[in-house]
C-alpha atoms as a PDB file:
ATOM      1  CA  SER A   1      17.342 -11.097  32.233  1.00  0.00           C
ATOM      2  CA  GLU A   2      19.064 -14.178  33.329  1.00  0.00           C
ATOM      3  CA  GLU A   3      19.312 -11.609  36.200  1.00  0.00           C
ATOM      4  CA  CYS A   4      15.491 -11.766  37.169  1.00  0.00           C
ATOM      5  CA  GLY A   5      15.126 -15.355  36.194  1.00  0.00           C
ATOM      6  CA  TYR A   6      13.574 -14.576  32.624  1.00  0.00           C
ATOM      7  CA  ASP A   7      10.612 -13.483  34.471  1.00  0.00           C
ATOM      8  CA  GLY A   8       9.858 -16.555  36.850  1.00  0.00           C
ATOM      9  CA  GLY A   9      10.512 -18.570  33.397  1.00  0.00           C
ATOM     10  CA  ASP A  10       7.660 -17.101  31.218  1.00  0.00           C
ATOM     11  CA  CYS A  11      10.083 -15.656  28.944  1.00  0.00           C
ATOM     12  CA  VAL A  12      12.736 -18.531  28.446  1.00  0.00           C
ATOM     13  CA  GLU A  13      10.175 -19.885  25.274  1.00  0.00           C
ATOM     14  CA  PHE A  14      10.120 -16.392  23.973  1.00  0.00           C
ATOM     15  CA  ASN A  15      13.871 -15.643  24.545  1.00  0.00           C
ATOM     16  CA  GLU A  16      14.297 -19.361  22.987  1.00  0.00           C
ATOM     17  CA  LYS A  17      12.084 -18.701  20.206  1.00  0.00           C
ATOM     18  CA  TYR A  18      13.091 -14.797  19.116  1.00  0.00           C
ATOM     19  CA  PRO A  19      16.594 -14.129  20.987  1.00  0.00           C
ATOM     20  CA  ASN A  20      16.937 -10.860  19.094  1.00  0.00           C
ATOM     21  CA  CYS A  21      13.092  -9.603  19.519  1.00  0.00           C
ATOM     22  CA  THR A  22      13.278  -6.588  21.798  1.00  0.00           C
ATOM     23  CA  VAL A  23       9.765  -5.649  21.796  1.00  0.00           C
ATOM     24  CA  LYS A  24       8.213  -4.125  24.957  1.00  0.00           C
ATOM     25  CA  TYR A  25       5.246  -6.400  25.692  1.00  0.00           C
ATOM     26  CA  PRO A  26       6.168  -9.620  24.219  1.00  0.00           C
ATOM     27  CA  SER A  27       3.040 -11.501  25.198  1.00  0.00           C
ATOM     28  CA  ARG A  28       1.135  -9.160  22.325  1.00  0.00           C
ATOM     29  CA  LEU A  29       3.693 -11.256  20.279  1.00  0.00           C
ATOM     30  CA  GLY A  30       1.879 -13.957  17.872  1.00  0.00           C
ATOM     31  CA  ASN A  31      -2.014 -12.668  19.039  1.00  0.00           C
ATOM     32  CA  GLY A  32      -4.080 -12.904  15.801  1.00  0.00           C
ATOM     33  CA  ARG A  33      -3.295  -9.405  15.070  1.00  0.00           C
ATOM     34  CA  CYS A  34      -0.428  -8.306  13.611  1.00  0.00           C
ATOM     35  CA  ILE A  35       0.939  -5.145  15.001  1.00  0.00           C
ATOM     36  CA  ASN A  36       3.114  -3.141  11.736  1.00  0.00           C
ATOM     37  CA  ASP A  37       5.709  -1.689  13.918  1.00  0.00           C
ATOM     38  CA  ASP A  38       8.486  -3.238  15.964  1.00  0.00           C
ATOM     39  CA  PHE A  39       6.437  -6.358  16.295  1.00  0.00           C
ATOM     40  CA  ASN A  40       6.598  -6.675  12.292  1.00  0.00           C
ATOM     41  CA  SER A  41      10.333  -7.788  11.887  1.00  0.00           C
ATOM     42  CA  GLU A  42      12.369 -10.949  10.921  1.00  0.00           C
ATOM     43  CA  GLU A  43      13.738 -10.618  14.595  1.00  0.00           C
ATOM     44  CA  CYS A  44      10.220 -11.130  15.880  1.00  0.00           C
ATOM     45  CA  GLY A  45       8.941 -13.902  13.289  1.00  0.00           C
ATOM     46  CA  TYR A  46       6.761 -11.046  11.576  1.00  0.00           C
ATOM     47  CA  ASP A  47       4.390 -10.405  14.836  1.00  0.00           C
ATOM     48  CA  GLY A  48       5.183 -14.338  15.321  1.00  0.00           C
ATOM     49  CA  GLY A  49       3.612 -14.968  11.912  1.00  0.00           C
ATOM     50  CA  ASP A  50       0.400 -12.300  12.776  1.00  0.00           C
ATOM     51  CA  CYS A  51       2.027 -10.042   9.812  1.00  0.00           C
ATOM     52  CA  VAL A  52       2.937 -12.862   7.019  1.00  0.00           C
ATOM     53  CA  GLU A  53      -0.506 -12.259   5.069  1.00  0.00           C
ATOM     54  CA  PHE A  54      -0.416  -8.880   5.550  1.00  0.00           C
ATOM     55  CA  ASN A  55       3.234  -8.361   4.457  1.00  0.00           C
ATOM     56  CA  GLU A  56       2.377 -10.543   1.553  1.00  0.00           C
ATOM     57  CA  LYS A  57      -0.848  -8.824   0.046  1.00  0.00           C
ATOM     58  CA  TYR A  58       0.397  -5.035   1.101  1.00  0.00           C
ATOM     59  CA  PRO A  59       4.026  -4.918   1.100  1.00  0.00           C
ATOM     60  CA  ASN A  60       4.788  -1.216   1.340  1.00  0.00           C
ATOM     61  CA  CYS A  61       1.316  -0.581   3.471  1.00  0.00           C
ATOM     62  CA  THR A  62       2.959   1.401   6.593  1.00  0.00           C
ATOM     63  CA  VAL A  63      -0.488   1.469   8.934  1.00  0.00           C
ATOM     64  CA  LYS A  64       0.386   0.649  12.466  1.00  0.00           C
ATOM     65  CA  TYR A  65      -2.871  -1.778  12.758  1.00  0.00           C
ATOM     66  CA  PRO A  66      -3.572  -3.454   9.651  1.00  0.00           C
ATOM     67  CA  SER A  67      -6.501  -5.402  11.004  1.00  0.00           C
ATOM     68  CA  ARG A  68      -8.312  -2.391  10.100  1.00  0.00           C
ATOM     69  CA  LEU A  69      -7.893  -3.013   6.900  1.00  0.00           C
ATOM     70  CA  GLY A  70     -10.851  -4.254   5.014  1.00  0.00           C
ATOM     71  CA  ASN A  71     -13.350  -4.307   8.141  1.00  0.00           C
ATOM     72  CA  GLY A  72     -15.877  -2.618   6.597  1.00  0.00           C
ATOM     73  CA  ARG A  73     -15.281   1.068   7.181  1.00  0.00           C
ATOM     74  CA  CYS A  74     -13.403   3.214   5.304  1.00  0.00           C
ATOM     75  CA  ILE A  75     -10.832   4.661   7.148  1.00  0.00           C
ATOM     76  CA  ASN A  76      -9.461   7.716   5.065  1.00  0.00           C
ATOM     77  CA  ASP A  77      -6.173   8.659   5.720  1.00  0.00           C
ATOM     78  CA  ASP A  78      -3.044   6.044   5.388  1.00  0.00           C
ATOM     79  CA  PHE A  79      -5.244   3.433   5.301  1.00  0.00           C
ATOM     80  CA  ASN A  80      -6.845   4.882   1.610  1.00  0.00           C
ATOM     81  CA  SER A  81      -3.725   4.520  -0.289  1.00  0.00           C
ATOM     82  CA  GLU A  82      -2.787   2.263  -3.391  1.00  0.00           C
ATOM     83  CA  GLU A  83      -0.031   1.005  -0.868  1.00  0.00           C
ATOM     84  CA  CYS A  84      -3.129  -0.486   1.616  1.00  0.00           C
ATOM     85  CA  GLY A  85      -5.255  -1.457  -1.231  1.00  0.00           C
ATOM     86  CA  TYR A  86      -7.556   1.568  -0.384  1.00  0.00           C
ATOM     87  CA  ASP A  87      -8.096   0.254   3.017  1.00  0.00           C
ATOM     88  CA  GLY A  88      -8.463  -3.504   1.966  1.00  0.00           C
ATOM     89  CA  GLY A  89     -11.255  -2.206  -0.554  1.00  0.00           C
ATOM     90  CA  ASP A  90     -13.089  -0.588   2.430  1.00  0.00           C
ATOM     91  CA  CYS A  91     -12.638   2.978   0.649  1.00  0.00           C
ATOM     92  CA  VAL A  92     -13.221   1.991  -3.451  1.00  0.00           C
ATOM     93  CA  ALA A  93     -17.161   3.418  -3.158  1.00  0.00           C
ATOM     94  CA  PHE A  94     -16.122   6.006  -0.873  1.00  0.00           C
ATOM     95  CA  ASN A  95     -13.122   7.364  -3.272  1.00  0.00           C
ATOM     96  CA  GLU A  96     -15.972   7.142  -6.147  1.00  0.00           C
ATOM     97  CA  LYS A  97     -18.379   8.967  -4.868  1.00  0.00           C
ATOM     98  CA  TYR A  98     -16.551  11.715  -2.834  1.00  0.00           C
ATOM     99  CA  PRO A  99     -13.040  11.646  -4.883  1.00  0.00           C
ATOM    100  CA  LYS A 100     -12.454  15.406  -3.305  1.00  0.00           C
ATOM    101  CA  CYS A 101     -13.424  14.740   0.324  1.00  0.00           C
ATOM    102  CA  THR A 102     -10.916  14.650   3.169  1.00  0.00           C
ATOM    103  CA  VAL A 103     -12.742  13.599   6.167  1.00  0.00           C
ATOM    104  CA  VAL A 104     -10.806  10.991   7.819  1.00  0.00           C
ATOM    105  CA  ASP A 105     -13.741   9.499   9.853  1.00  0.00           C
ATOM    106  CA  THR A 106     -16.446   8.530   6.259  1.00  0.00           C
ATOM    107  CA  TYR A 107     -18.521   6.401   8.506  1.00  0.00           C
ATOM    108  CA  TYR A 108     -20.157   9.435   9.690  1.00  0.00           C
ATOM    109  CA  LEU A 109     -21.279  10.454   5.984  1.00  0.00           C
ATOM    110  CA  ASN A 110     -25.010   9.653   5.346  1.00  0.00           C
ATOM    111  CA  ASP A 111     -25.921   8.111   8.956  1.00  0.00           C
ATOM    112  CA  SER A 112     -29.097   9.954   9.260  1.00  0.00           C
ATOM    113  CA  VAL A 113     -27.279  13.236  11.457  1.00  0.00           C
ATOM    114  CA  CYS A 114     -25.949  16.365   9.782  1.00  0.00           C
ATOM    115  CA  HIS A 115     -22.666  17.404  10.672  1.00  0.00           C
ATOM    116  CA  LEU A 116     -21.162  20.396  10.079  1.00  0.00           C
ATOM    117  CA  GLY A 117     -17.813  21.601   9.189  1.00  0.00           C
ATOM    118  CA  GLU A 118     -15.662  19.622   6.948  1.00  0.00           C
ATOM    119  CA  PHE A 119     -18.713  17.241   6.480  1.00  0.00           C
ATOM    120  CA  ASN A 120     -21.238  19.666   4.912  1.00  0.00           C
ATOM    121  CA  THR A 121     -19.209  20.596   1.819  1.00  0.00           C
ATOM    122  CA  GLU A 122     -19.803  20.162  -1.646  1.00  0.00           C
ATOM    123  CA  GLU A 123     -16.960  17.625  -1.939  1.00  0.00           C
ATOM    124  CA  CYS A 124     -18.406  15.362   0.403  1.00  0.00           C
ATOM    125  CA  GLY A 125     -22.013  15.751  -0.868  1.00  0.00           C
ATOM    126  CA  TYR A 126     -23.020  17.498   2.230  1.00  0.00           C
ATOM    127  CA  ASP A 127     -22.558  14.808   4.806  1.00  0.00           C
ATOM    128  CA  GLY A 128     -23.291  12.247   2.768  1.00  0.00           C
ATOM    129  CA  GLY A 129     -26.544  13.835   2.053  1.00  0.00           C
ATOM    130  CA  ASP A 130     -27.549  14.408   5.574  1.00  0.00           C
ATOM    131  CA  CYS A 131     -27.316  18.106   5.640  1.00  0.00           C
ATOM    132  CA  VAL A 132     -29.673  18.345   2.641  1.00  0.00           C
ATOM    133  CA  VAL A 133     -33.378  18.628   2.507  1.00  0.00           C
ATOM    134  CA  GLU A 134     -35.405  18.443  -0.565  1.00  0.00           C
ATOM    135  CA  GLY A 135     -37.231  21.584  -1.238  1.00  0.00           C
ATOM    136  CA  TYR A 136     -35.531  23.482   1.657  1.00  0.00           C
ATOM    137  CA  PRO A 137     -32.109  24.216   0.524  1.00  0.00           C
ATOM    138  CA  ASN A 138     -31.133  27.036   3.624  1.00  0.00           C
ATOM    139  CA  CYS A 139     -32.442  24.237   6.265  1.00  0.00           C
ATOM    140  CA  ILE A 140     -29.541  22.917   8.346  1.00  0.00           C
ATOM    141  CA  PRO A 141     -30.744  19.990   9.521  1.00  0.00           C
ATOM    142  CA  TYR A 142     -28.976  18.084  12.808  1.00  0.00           C
ATOM    143  CA  ASN A 143     -31.797  14.669  11.648  1.00  0.00           C
ATOM    144  CA  SER A 144     -33.405  15.651   8.509  1.00  0.00           C
ATOM    145  CA  SER A 145     -35.717  12.365   8.970  1.00  0.00           C
ATOM    146  CA  ARG A 146     -37.375  14.314  11.581  1.00  0.00           C
ATOM    147  CA  ILE A 147     -38.342  17.202   9.063  1.00  0.00           C
ATOM    148  CA  GLY A 148     -41.854  16.492   7.373  1.00  0.00           C
ATOM    149  CA  ASP A 149     -42.189  13.432  10.096  1.00  0.00           C
ATOM    150  CA  GLY A 150     -45.740  14.420  11.234  1.00  0.00           C
ATOM    151  CA  ASN A 151     -44.363  15.647  14.466  1.00  0.00           C
ATOM    152  CA  CYS A 152     -43.565  19.413  15.210  1.00  0.00           C
ATOM    153  CA  ASP A 153     -40.099  20.232  16.423  1.00  0.00           C
ATOM    154  CA  GLU A 154     -39.178  23.825  17.532  1.00  0.00           C
ATOM    155  CA  TYR A 155     -35.713  23.615  16.289  1.00  0.00           C
ATOM    156  CA  TYR A 156     -36.855  23.216  12.508  1.00  0.00           C
ATOM    157  CA  ASN A 157     -40.052  25.386  13.217  1.00  0.00           C
ATOM    158  CA  THR A 158     -38.452  28.219  10.605  1.00  0.00           C
ATOM    159  CA  GLU A 159     -39.005  29.404   8.035  1.00  0.00           C
ATOM    160  CA  GLU A 160     -35.499  28.438   5.954  1.00  0.00           C
ATOM    161  CA  CYS A 161     -37.182  24.170   7.211  1.00  0.00           C
ATOM    162  CA  GLY A 162     -40.487  25.264   5.676  1.00  0.00           C
ATOM    163  CA  TRP A 163     -42.351  25.350   9.660  1.00  0.00           C
ATOM    164  CA  ASP A 164     -40.633  22.001  10.245  1.00  0.00           C
ATOM    165  CA  GLY A 165     -41.941  20.668   6.576  1.00  0.00           C
ATOM    166  CA  GLY A 166     -45.554  21.755   7.450  1.00  0.00           C
ATOM    167  CA  ASP A 167     -45.410  19.646  10.560  1.00  0.00           C
ATOM    168  CA  CYS A 168     -45.834  22.944  12.729  1.00  0.00           C
ATOM    169  CA  LEU A 169     -48.332  24.788  10.718  1.00  0.00           C
ATOM    170  CA  LEU A 170     -51.817  24.648  12.604  1.00  0.00           C
END
C-alpha cells in the first residue's frame, strides 16, 4: 500500500505490472513453477508466465502444483485424469497394469517392500508383486528378497514362509 511505502519500494514493479493481482506472496509469481490457484489468473499474468504452457497443454486440469505432472511418478488422484493427461503420461502404464487399483502413492508398488492394506490387494497386484513369494502363497513378507537369500531371518522362519525359503533348515 502507499501508506507502507509499497514495502520499501519492493512492490512498485509488481504493482505496475499486475495492478489487480492480489496474491499473498507476490515473490512466488514468475519463479519458474506454475501454481494453479490465484496465481494462475489473467490479473497475475498466469503466474508471471509460469502457467502459460500448462494452460495450453491441460486447459481443464485443476491440480494445484502442475510441476508434478510428468515428473516420472504416477500420482493416482486428480493428476491421473484425462484432463491432466494421466499425470502428464506418468500413470499410463499404471492404468494399464492396475486399472482398478486406487492407491494414491503408486511409487510404493513394486518397491521391494510389502505394504499391507490397500496395497496388498488383487487390484494392486499384491503391492506390485512385493507381497507375493513364489511357492509360499500364505507368506506375507516385508521384504520378499530376503526369503531364500542364504541367511536365516527369524521373521520368515515360519511354515508359511517355508522356514525362510529353506534358509533356516539345519
